């Protein structure tokens, strides 16, 4: 899995950005995942959203949170 796939960014038509932690099993807050999360935050700073929703997988939000 590439770093791009660890955190997904989806922009909805209503101006909301949905950030999904996508590191299988438990979304462990690894160095790679946190680095990608920072990249996504920088993208959102450059092109702001009206609201940001951060979500995890089906079982839990994130291990180590």
PDB file of N, CA and C in Angstrom:
ATOM      1  N   UNK A   1       0.855  -1.175   0.000  1.00  0.00           N
ATOM      2  CA  UNK A   1       0.000   0.000   0.000  1.00  0.00           C
ATOM      3  C   UNK A   1       0.899   1.236   0.000  1.00  0.00           C
ATOM      4  N   UNK A   2       0.602   2.173  -0.882  1.00  0.00           N
ATOM      5  CA  UNK A   2       1.387   3.403  -0.943  1.00  0.00           C
ATOM      6  C   UNK A   2       0.950   4.369   0.158  1.00  0.00           C
ATOM      7  N   UNK A   3       1.804   5.342   0.459  1.00  0.00           N
ATOM      8  CA  UNK A   3       1.448   6.349   1.462  1.00  0.00           C
ATOM      9  C   UNK A   3       0.189   7.107   1.061  1.00  0.00           C
ATOM     10  N   UNK A   4      -0.014   7.313  -0.248  1.00  0.00           N
ATOM     11  CA  UNK A   4      -1.218   8.000  -0.731  1.00  0.00           C
ATOM     12  C   UNK A   4      -2.480   7.284  -0.278  1.00  0.00           C
ATOM     13  N   UNK A   5      -2.425   5.958  -0.200  1.00  0.00           N
ATOM     14  CA  UNK A   5      -3.595   5.162   0.156  1.00  0.00           C
ATOM     15  C   UNK A   5      -3.857   5.107   1.659  1.00  0.00           C
ATOM     16  N   UNK A   6      -2.889   5.523   2.479  1.00  0.00           N
ATOM     17  CA  UNK A   6      -3.059   5.439   3.935  1.00  0.00           C
ATOM     18  C   UNK A   6      -4.098   6.416   4.464  1.00  0.00           C
ATOM     19  N   UNK A   7      -4.203   7.570   3.820  1.00  0.00           N
ATOM     20  CA  UNK A   7      -5.193   8.579   4.201  1.00  0.00           C
ATOM     21  C   UNK A   7      -5.823   9.076   2.908  1.00  0.00           C
ATOM     22  N   UNK A   8      -7.121   8.927   2.813  1.00  0.00           N
ATOM     23  CA  UNK A   8      -7.846   9.310   1.603  1.00  0.00           C
ATOM     24  C   UNK A   8      -8.549  10.642   1.823  1.00  0.00           C
ATOM     25  N   UNK A   9      -8.568  11.472   0.797  1.00  0.00           N
ATOM     26  CA  UNK A   9      -9.255  12.761   0.856  1.00  0.00           C
ATOM     27  C   UNK A   9     -10.322  12.789  -0.220  1.00  0.00           C
ATOM     28  N   UNK A  10     -11.547  13.031   0.195  1.00  0.00           N
ATOM     29  CA  UNK A  10     -12.670  13.148  -0.739  1.00  0.00           C
ATOM     30  C   UNK A  10     -13.322  14.497  -0.504  1.00  0.00           C
ATOM     31  N   UNK A  11     -13.520  15.241  -1.571  1.00  0.00           N
ATOM     32  CA  UNK A  11     -14.195  16.537  -1.472  1.00  0.00           C
ATOM     33  C   UNK A  11     -15.614  16.385  -2.022  1.00  0.00           C
ATOM     34  N   UNK A  12     -16.592  16.689  -1.186  1.00  0.00           N
ATOM     35  CA  UNK A  12     -17.989  16.575  -1.580  1.00  0.00           C
ATOM     36  C   UNK A  12     -18.459  17.871  -2.230  1.00  0.00           C
ATOM     37  N   UNK A  13     -19.522  17.787  -2.997  1.00  0.00           N
ATOM     38  CA  UNK A  13     -20.051  18.954  -3.701  1.00  0.00           C
ATOM     39  C   UNK A  13     -20.501  20.064  -2.759  1.00  0.00           C
ATOM     40  N   UNK A  14     -20.876  19.716  -1.523  1.00  0.00           N
ATOM     41  CA  UNK A  14     -21.370  20.726  -0.587  1.00  0.00           C
ATOM     42  C   UNK A  14     -20.239  21.465   0.132  1.00  0.00           C
ATOM     43  N   UNK A  15     -18.978  21.215  -0.260  1.00  0.00           N
ATOM     44  CA  UNK A  15     -17.849  21.912   0.346  1.00  0.00           C
ATOM     45  C   UNK A  15     -17.207  21.185   1.506  1.00  0.00           C
ATOM     46  N   UNK A  16     -17.743  20.031   1.863  1.00  0.00           N
ATOM     47  CA  UNK A  16     -17.190  19.232   2.951  1.00  0.00           C
ATOM     48  C   UNK A  16     -16.054  18.361   2.420  1.00  0.00           C
ATOM     49  N   UNK A  17     -15.005  18.230   3.223  1.00  0.00           N
ATOM     50  CA  UNK A  17     -13.914  17.311   2.905  1.00  0.00           C
ATOM     51  C   UNK A  17     -13.999  16.139   3.871  1.00  0.00           C
ATOM     52  N   UNK A  18     -13.931  14.929   3.343  1.00  0.00           N
ATOM     53  CA  UNK A  18     -13.946  13.725   4.171  1.00  0.00           C
ATOM     54  C   UNK A  18     -12.553  13.103   4.103  1.00  0.00           C
ATOM     55  N   UNK A  19     -11.913  12.995   5.264  1.00  0.00           N
ATOM     56  CA  UNK A  19     -10.581  12.411   5.386  1.00  0.00           C
ATOM     57  C   UNK A  19     -10.760  11.039   6.028  1.00  0.00           C
ATOM     58  N   UNK A  20     -10.333   9.990   5.343  1.00  0.00           N
ATOM     59  CA  UNK A  20     -10.511   8.626   5.838  1.00  0.00           C
ATOM     60  C   UNK A  20      -9.160   7.983   6.116  1.00  0.00           C
ATOM     61  N   UNK A  21      -8.959   7.549   7.371  1.00  0.00           N
ATOM     62  CA  UNK A  21      -7.771   6.771   7.716  1.00  0.00           C
ATOM     63  C   UNK A  21      -7.975   5.386   7.123  1.00  0.00           C
ATOM     64  N   UNK A  22      -7.004   4.909   6.339  1.00  0.00           N
ATOM     65  CA  UNK A  22      -7.202   3.700   5.548  1.00  0.00           C
ATOM     66  C   UNK A  22      -6.006   2.758   5.675  1.00  0.00           C
ATOM     67  N   UNK A  23      -5.597   2.486   6.909  1.00  0.00           N
ATOM     68  CA  UNK A  23      -4.489   1.569   7.154  1.00  0.00           C
ATOM     69  C   UNK A  23      -5.076   0.298   7.762  1.00  0.00           C
ATOM     70  N   UNK A  24      -5.207  -0.760   6.959  1.00  0.00           N
ATOM     71  CA  UNK A  24      -5.921  -1.956   7.393  1.00  0.00           C
ATOM     72  C   UNK A  24      -5.559  -2.472   8.777  1.00  0.00           C
ATOM     73  N   UNK A  25      -6.468  -3.138   9.277  1.00  0.00           N
ATOM     74  CA  UNK A  25      -6.710  -3.722  10.586  1.00  0.00           C
ATOM     75  C   UNK A  25      -7.158  -2.661  11.575  1.00  0.00           C
ATOM     76  N   UNK A  26      -6.254  -1.811  12.080  1.00  0.00           N
ATOM     77  CA  UNK A  26      -6.676  -0.920  13.173  1.00  0.00           C
ATOM     78  C   UNK A  26      -6.303   0.545  12.963  1.00  0.00           C
ATOM     79  N   UNK A  27      -5.876   0.931  11.767  1.00  0.00           N
ATOM     80  CA  UNK A  27      -5.466   2.314  11.513  1.00  0.00           C
ATOM     81  C   UNK A  27      -4.429   2.793  12.526  1.00  0.00           C
ATOM     82  N   UNK A  28      -3.397   1.981  12.727  1.00  0.00           N
ATOM     83  CA  UNK A  28      -2.336   2.357  13.665  1.00  0.00           C
ATOM     84  C   UNK A  28      -1.703   3.676  13.225  1.00  0.00           C
ATOM     85  N   UNK A  29      -1.477   4.561  14.187  1.00  0.00           N
ATOM     86  CA  UNK A  29      -0.919   5.877  13.888  1.00  0.00           C
ATOM     87  C   UNK A  29       0.596   5.771  13.689  1.00  0.00           C
ATOM     88  N   UNK A  30       0.969   5.185  12.564  1.00  0.00           N
ATOM     89  CA  UNK A  30       2.378   4.986  12.219  1.00  0.00           C
ATOM     90  C   UNK A  30       2.977   6.290  11.698  1.00  0.00           C
ATOM     91  N   UNK A  31       4.289   6.297  11.574  1.00  0.00           N
ATOM     92  CA  UNK A  31       4.978   7.463  11.016  1.00  0.00           C
ATOM     93  C   UNK A  31       4.481   7.751   9.603  1.00  0.00           C
ATOM     94  N   UNK A  32       4.269   6.697   8.815  1.00  0.00           N
ATOM     95  CA  UNK A  32       3.805   6.868   7.441  1.00  0.00           C
ATOM     96  C   UNK A  32       2.391   7.447   7.402  1.00  0.00           C
ATOM     97  N   UNK A  33       1.494   6.925   8.234  1.00  0.00           N
ATOM     98  CA  UNK A  33       0.119   7.421   8.248  1.00  0.00           C
ATOM     99  C   UNK A  33       0.089   8.874   8.713  1.00  0.00           C
ATOM    100  N   UNK A  34       0.826   9.201   9.753  1.00  0.00           N
ATOM    101  CA  UNK A  34       0.847  10.579  10.253  1.00  0.00           C
ATOM    102  C   UNK A  34       1.464  11.531   9.232  1.00  0.00           C
ATOM    103  N   UNK A  35       2.477  11.059   8.500  1.00  0.00           N
ATOM    104  CA  UNK A  35       3.066  11.884   7.446  1.00  0.00           C
ATOM    105  C   UNK A  35       2.064  12.187   6.353  1.00  0.00           C
ATOM    106  N   UNK A  36       1.309  11.177   5.948  1.00  0.00           N
ATOM    107  CA  UNK A  36       0.281  11.380   4.917  1.00  0.00           C
ATOM    108  C   UNK A  36      -0.839  12.271   5.443  1.00  0.00           C
ATOM    109  N   UNK A  37      -1.199  12.122   6.718  1.00  0.00           N
ATOM    110  CA  UNK A  37      -2.227  12.978   7.309  1.00  0.00           C
ATOM    111  C   UNK A  37      -1.777  14.439   7.275  1.00  0.00           C
ATOM    112  N   UNK A  38      -0.511  14.697   7.523  1.00  0.00           N
ATOM    113  CA  UNK A  38       0.034  16.051   7.439  1.00  0.00           C
ATOM    114  C   UNK A  38      -0.048  16.581   6.010  1.00  0.00           C
ATOM    115  N   UNK A  39       0.255  15.742   5.024  1.00  0.00           N
ATOM    116  CA  UNK A  39       0.135  16.149   3.619  1.00  0.00           C
ATOM    117  C   UNK A  39      -1.300  16.547   3.291  1.00  0.00           C
ATOM    118  N   UNK A  40      -2.257  15.752   3.762  1.00  0.00           N
ATOM    119  CA  UNK A  40      -3.671  16.053   3.516  1.00  0.00           C
ATOM    120  C   UNK A  40      -4.051  17.367   4.195  1.00  0.00           C
ATOM    121  N   UNK A  41      -3.555  17.590   5.409  1.00  0.00           N
ATOM    122  CA  UNK A  41      -3.830  18.847   6.114  1.00  0.00           C
ATOM    123  C   UNK A  41      -3.273  20.033   5.326  1.00  0.00           C
ATOM    124  N   UNK A  42      -2.104  19.871   4.739  1.00  0.00           N
ATOM    125  CA  UNK A  42      -1.519  20.937   3.922  1.00  0.00           C
ATOM    126  C   UNK A  42      -2.356  21.187   2.671  1.00  0.00           C
ATOM    127  N   UNK A  43      -2.880  20.124   2.060  1.00  0.00           N
ATOM    128  CA  UNK A  43      -3.775  20.279   0.906  1.00  0.00           C
ATOM    129  C   UNK A  43      -5.017  21.065   1.302  1.00  0.00           C
ATOM    130  N   UNK A  44      -5.556  20.760   2.480  1.00  0.00           N
ATOM    131  CA  UNK A  44      -6.759  21.445   2.944  1.00  0.00           C
ATOM    132  C   UNK A  44      -6.470  22.892   3.325  1.00  0.00           C
ATOM    133  N   UNK A  45      -5.255  23.190   3.729  1.00  0.00           N
ATOM    134  CA  UNK A  45      -4.869  24.570   4.020  1.00  0.00           C
ATOM    135  C   UNK A  45      -4.774  25.369   2.725  1.00  0.00           C
ATOM    136  N   UNK A  46      -4.232  24.744   1.685  1.00  0.00           N
ATOM    137  CA  UNK A  46      -4.076  25.413   0.397  1.00  0.00           C
ATOM    138  C   UNK A  46      -5.418  25.655  -0.285  1.00  0.00           C
ATOM    139  N   UNK A  47      -6.326  24.714  -0.152  1.00  0.00           N
ATOM    140  CA  UNK A  47      -7.661  24.814  -0.751  1.00  0.00           C
ATOM    141  C   UNK A  47      -8.671  24.436   0.326  1.00  0.00           C
ATOM    142  N   UNK A  48      -9.077  25.410   1.150  1.00  0.00           N
ATOM    143  CA  UNK A  48      -9.920  25.112   2.313  1.00  0.00           C
ATOM    144  C   UNK A  48     -11.275  24.495   1.958  1.00  0.00           C
ATOM    145  N   UNK A  49     -11.782  23.744   2.913  1.00  0.00           N
ATOM    146  CA  UNK A  49     -13.118  23.147   2.821  1.00  0.00           C
ATOM    147  C   UNK A  49     -14.024  23.867   3.814  1.00  0.00           C
ATOM    148  N   UNK A  50     -15.314  23.781   3.600  1.00  0.00           N
ATOM    149  CA  UNK A  50     -16.267  24.374   4.534  1.00  0.00           C
ATOM    150  C   UNK A  50     -16.291  23.636   5.859  1.00  0.00           C
ATOM    151  N   UNK A  51     -16.066  22.335   5.807  1.00  0.00           N
ATOM    152  CA  UNK A  51     -16.008  21.485   7.003  1.00  0.00           C
ATOM    153  C   UNK A  51     -15.139  20.285   6.664  1.00  0.00           C
ATOM    154  N   UNK A  52     -14.521  19.713   7.694  1.00  0.00           N
ATOM    155  CA  UNK A  52     -13.688  18.528   7.509  1.00  0.00           C
ATOM    156  C   UNK A  52     -14.186  17.442   8.452  1.00  0.00           C
ATOM    157  N   UNK A  53     -14.448  16.265   7.902  1.00  0.00           N
ATOM    158  CA  UNK A  53     -14.851  15.100   8.687  1.00  0.00           C
ATOM    159  C   UNK A  53     -13.703  14.100   8.607  1.00  0.00           C
ATOM    160  N   UNK A  54     -13.209  13.659   9.768  1.00  0.00           N
ATOM    161  CA  UNK A  54     -12.150  12.651   9.806  1.00  0.00           C
ATOM    162  C   UNK A  54     -12.764  11.362  10.327  1.00  0.00           C
ATOM    163  N   UNK A  55     -12.590  10.290   9.569  1.00  0.00           N
ATOM    164  CA  UNK A  55     -13.201   9.016   9.921  1.00  0.00           C
ATOM    165  C   UNK A  55     -12.179   7.891   9.791  1.00  0.00           C
ATOM    166  N   UNK A  56     -12.487   6.768  10.433  1.00  0.00           N
ATOM    167  CA  UNK A  56     -11.630   5.585  10.352  1.00  0.00           C
ATOM    168  C   UNK A  56     -12.368   4.470   9.642  1.00  0.00           C
ATOM    169  N   UNK A  57     -11.944   3.261   9.884  1.00  0.00           N
ATOM    170  CA  UNK A  57     -12.562   2.109   9.247  1.00  0.00           C
ATOM    171  C   UNK A  57     -13.854   1.691   9.921  1.00  0.00           C
ATOM    172  N   UNK A  58     -14.313   0.505   9.560  1.00  0.00           N
ATOM    173  CA  UNK A  58     -15.582  -0.002  10.074  1.00  0.00           C
ATOM    174  C   UNK A  58     -15.529  -0.360  11.554  1.00  0.00           C
ATOM    175  N   UNK A  59     -14.385  -0.880  12.028  1.00  0.00           N
ATOM    176  CA  UNK A  59     -14.299  -1.377  13.401  1.00  0.00           C
ATOM    177  C   UNK A  59     -13.960  -0.290  14.417  1.00  0.00           C
ATOM    178  N   UNK A  60     -13.035   0.589  14.071  1.00  0.00           N
ATOM    179  CA  UNK A  60     -12.591   1.598  15.028  1.00  0.00           C
ATOM    180  C   UNK A  60     -11.965   2.771  14.299  1.00  0.00           C
ATOM    181  N   UNK A  61     -11.790   3.876  15.039  1.00  0.00           N
ATOM    182  CA  UNK A  61     -11.224   5.081  14.437  1.00  0.00           C
ATOM    183  C   UNK A  61      -9.737   4.893  14.173  1.00  0.00           C
ATOM    184  N   UNK A  62      -8.949   4.675  15.246  1.00  0.00           N
ATOM    185  CA  UNK A  62      -7.506   4.488  15.082  1.00  0.00           C
ATOM    186  C   UNK A  62      -6.896   3.928  16.352  1.00  0.00           C
ATOM    187  N   UNK A  63      -5.942   3.041  16.188  1.00  0.00           N
ATOM    188  CA  UNK A  63      -5.190   2.538  17.332  1.00  0.00           C
ATOM    189  C   UNK A  63      -4.144   3.578  17.694  1.00  0.00           C
ATOM    190  N   UNK A  64      -4.046   3.870  18.969  1.00  0.00           N
ATOM    191  CA  UNK A  64      -3.076   4.851  19.424  1.00  0.00           C
ATOM    192  C   UNK A  64      -3.621   6.255  19.507  1.00  0.00           C
ATOM    193  N   UNK A  65      -4.903   6.419  19.192  1.00  0.00           N
ATOM    194  CA  UNK A  65      -5.502   7.760  19.244  1.00  0.00           C
ATOM    195  C   UNK A  65      -5.926   8.102  20.650  1.00  0.00           C
TER     196      UNK A  65
END
